Amino acid sequence: MACCTPATFSFTNAASSTIDYGPGLLAQYGSQPRVFVLYRDADTGEYVVASWFTRIEFTGSAVEVDHGGPQSGLVVIG
């Protein structure tokens, strides 16, 4: 299960993101990964944790994130 450095995937001005959850991620983070989304605040340059408008779905072969509109930030799997 999760034991290692989190995998980080960046996105820019995207309304949604899809991350292929292949054998490498499956071996490292298991069949029920913890997924966090951080959005970049354009005014401060800092990252803030996703709020209620973000939908995260794990399909078994992909992590799908609906950002609720164009956003920039990071998807972190750990």
C-alpha atoms as a PDB file:
ATOM      1  CA  MET A   1       0.000   0.000   0.000  1.00  0.00           C
ATOM      2  CA  ALA A   2       1.043   3.645   0.074  1.00  0.00           C
ATOM      3  CA  CYS A   3       4.491   3.927   1.498  1.00  0.00           C
ATOM      4  CA  CYS A   4       6.401   6.262  -0.654  1.00  0.00           C
ATOM      5  CA  THR A   5       6.742   9.769  -1.936  1.00  0.00           C
ATOM      6  CA  PRO A   6       3.432  10.988  -3.377  1.00  0.00           C
ATOM      7  CA  ALA A   7       3.034  11.111  -7.158  1.00  0.00           C
ATOM      8  CA  THR A   8       2.295  14.649  -8.330  1.00  0.00           C
ATOM      9  CA  PHE A   9       0.610  15.602 -11.616  1.00  0.00           C
ATOM     10  CA  SER A  10       0.257  19.238 -12.619  1.00  0.00           C
ATOM     11  CA  PHE A  11      -2.495  20.766 -14.759  1.00  0.00           C
ATOM     12  CA  THR A  12      -2.922  24.231 -16.243  1.00  0.00           C
ATOM     13  CA  ASN A  13      -6.202  25.943 -17.096  1.00  0.00           C
ATOM     14  CA  ALA A  14      -8.018  22.599 -17.227  1.00  0.00           C
ATOM     15  CA  ALA A  15     -11.688  21.948 -16.465  1.00  0.00           C
ATOM     16  CA  SER A  16     -10.919  18.273 -15.840  1.00  0.00           C
ATOM     17  CA  SER A  17      -7.940  15.934 -15.489  1.00  0.00           C
ATOM     18  CA  THR A  18      -7.568  12.208 -16.128  1.00  0.00           C
ATOM     19  CA  ILE A  19      -4.573  10.313 -14.775  1.00  0.00           C
ATOM     20  CA  ASP A  20      -3.922   6.802 -16.048  1.00  0.00           C
ATOM     21  CA  TYR A  21      -3.663   4.552 -12.986  1.00  0.00           C
ATOM     22  CA  GLY A  22      -1.532   1.826 -14.514  1.00  0.00           C
ATOM     23  CA  PRO A  23       0.420  -1.050 -12.970  1.00  0.00           C
ATOM     24  CA  GLY A  24       3.190   1.198 -11.618  1.00  0.00           C
ATOM     25  CA  LEU A  25       0.839   3.416  -9.614  1.00  0.00           C
ATOM     26  CA  LEU A  26      -1.240   0.405  -8.593  1.00  0.00           C
ATOM     27  CA  ALA A  27       1.852  -1.355  -7.219  1.00  0.00           C
ATOM     28  CA  GLN A  28       2.974   1.741  -5.354  1.00  0.00           C
ATOM     29  CA  TYR A  29      -0.326   3.114  -3.995  1.00  0.00           C
ATOM     30  CA  GLY A  30      -2.691   0.152  -4.014  1.00  0.00           C
ATOM     31  CA  SER A  31      -6.258  -0.345  -5.191  1.00  0.00           C
ATOM     32  CA  GLN A  32      -7.683   2.498  -3.082  1.00  0.00           C
ATOM     33  CA  PRO A  33      -5.349   5.468  -3.531  1.00  0.00           C
ATOM     34  CA  ARG A  34      -5.640   8.680  -1.555  1.00  0.00           C
ATOM     35  CA  VAL A  35      -6.108  11.542  -4.003  1.00  0.00           C
ATOM     36  CA  PHE A  36      -5.765  15.228  -3.145  1.00  0.00           C
ATOM     37  CA  VAL A  37      -6.264  18.219  -5.417  1.00  0.00           C
ATOM     38  CA  LEU A  38      -4.541  21.534  -4.800  1.00  0.00           C
ATOM     39  CA  TYR A  39      -5.396  24.672  -6.754  1.00  0.00           C
ATOM     40  CA  ARG A  40      -2.991  27.525  -7.389  1.00  0.00           C
ATOM     41  CA  ASP A  41      -4.253  30.881  -6.154  1.00  0.00           C
ATOM     42  CA  ALA A  42      -3.422  33.312  -8.984  1.00  0.00           C
ATOM     43  CA  ASP A  43      -3.147  36.263  -6.581  1.00  0.00           C
ATOM     44  CA  THR A  44      -0.741  34.728  -4.058  1.00  0.00           C
ATOM     45  CA  GLY A  45       0.880  31.895  -6.036  1.00  0.00           C
ATOM     46  CA  GLU A  46       0.122  29.552  -3.132  1.00  0.00           C
ATOM     47  CA  TYR A  47      -1.746  26.260  -3.357  1.00  0.00           C
ATOM     48  CA  VAL A  48      -5.076  25.732  -1.604  1.00  0.00           C
ATOM     49  CA  VAL A  49      -6.903  22.465  -0.955  1.00  0.00           C
ATOM     50  CA  ALA A  50      -9.831  21.680  -3.245  1.00  0.00           C
ATOM     51  CA  SER A  51     -13.266  22.587  -1.956  1.00  0.00           C
ATOM     52  CA  TRP A  52     -16.754  21.161  -2.471  1.00  0.00           C
ATOM     53  CA  PHE A  53     -16.881  21.935  -6.220  1.00  0.00           C
ATOM     54  CA  THR A  54     -14.169  19.365  -7.058  1.00  0.00           C
ATOM     55  CA  ARG A  55     -15.317  15.850  -7.980  1.00  0.00           C
ATOM     56  CA  ILE A  56     -12.730  13.066  -7.723  1.00  0.00           C
ATOM     57  CA  GLU A  57     -13.504   9.601  -9.079  1.00  0.00           C
ATOM     58  CA  PHE A  58     -11.294   6.516  -9.094  1.00  0.00           C
ATOM     59  CA  THR A  59     -12.401   4.067 -11.802  1.00  0.00           C
ATOM     60  CA  GLY A  60      -9.833   1.351 -11.089  1.00  0.00           C
ATOM     61  CA  SER A  61      -7.781   2.265 -14.152  1.00  0.00           C
ATOM     62  CA  ALA A  62      -7.824   6.068 -13.923  1.00  0.00           C
ATOM     63  CA  VAL A  63      -8.218   8.961 -11.525  1.00  0.00           C
ATOM     64  CA  GLU A  64     -10.707  11.439 -12.970  1.00  0.00           C
ATOM     65  CA  VAL A  65     -11.044  14.931 -11.533  1.00  0.00           C
ATOM     66  CA  ASP A  66     -13.716  17.472 -12.457  1.00  0.00           C
ATOM     67  CA  HIS A  67     -12.324  20.847 -11.373  1.00  0.00           C
ATOM     68  CA  GLY A  68     -15.654  22.638 -11.704  1.00  0.00           C
ATOM     69  CA  GLY A  69     -14.246  24.948 -14.377  1.00  0.00           C
ATOM     70  CA  PRO A  70     -10.809  25.938 -15.656  1.00  0.00           C
ATOM     71  CA  GLN A  71      -8.208  25.681 -12.894  1.00  0.00           C
ATOM     72  CA  SER A  72      -4.457  25.246 -12.493  1.00  0.00           C
ATOM     73  CA  GLY A  73      -2.810  23.184  -9.803  1.00  0.00           C
ATOM     74  CA  LEU A  74      -1.754  19.713  -8.743  1.00  0.00           C
ATOM     75  CA  VAL A  75      -3.301  16.268  -8.364  1.00  0.00           C
ATOM     76  CA  VAL A  76      -1.434  14.339  -5.679  1.00  0.00           C
ATOM     77  CA  ILE A  77      -1.709  10.570  -5.271  1.00  0.00           C
ATOM     78  CA  GLY A  78      -0.323   9.177  -2.072  1.00  0.00           C
END
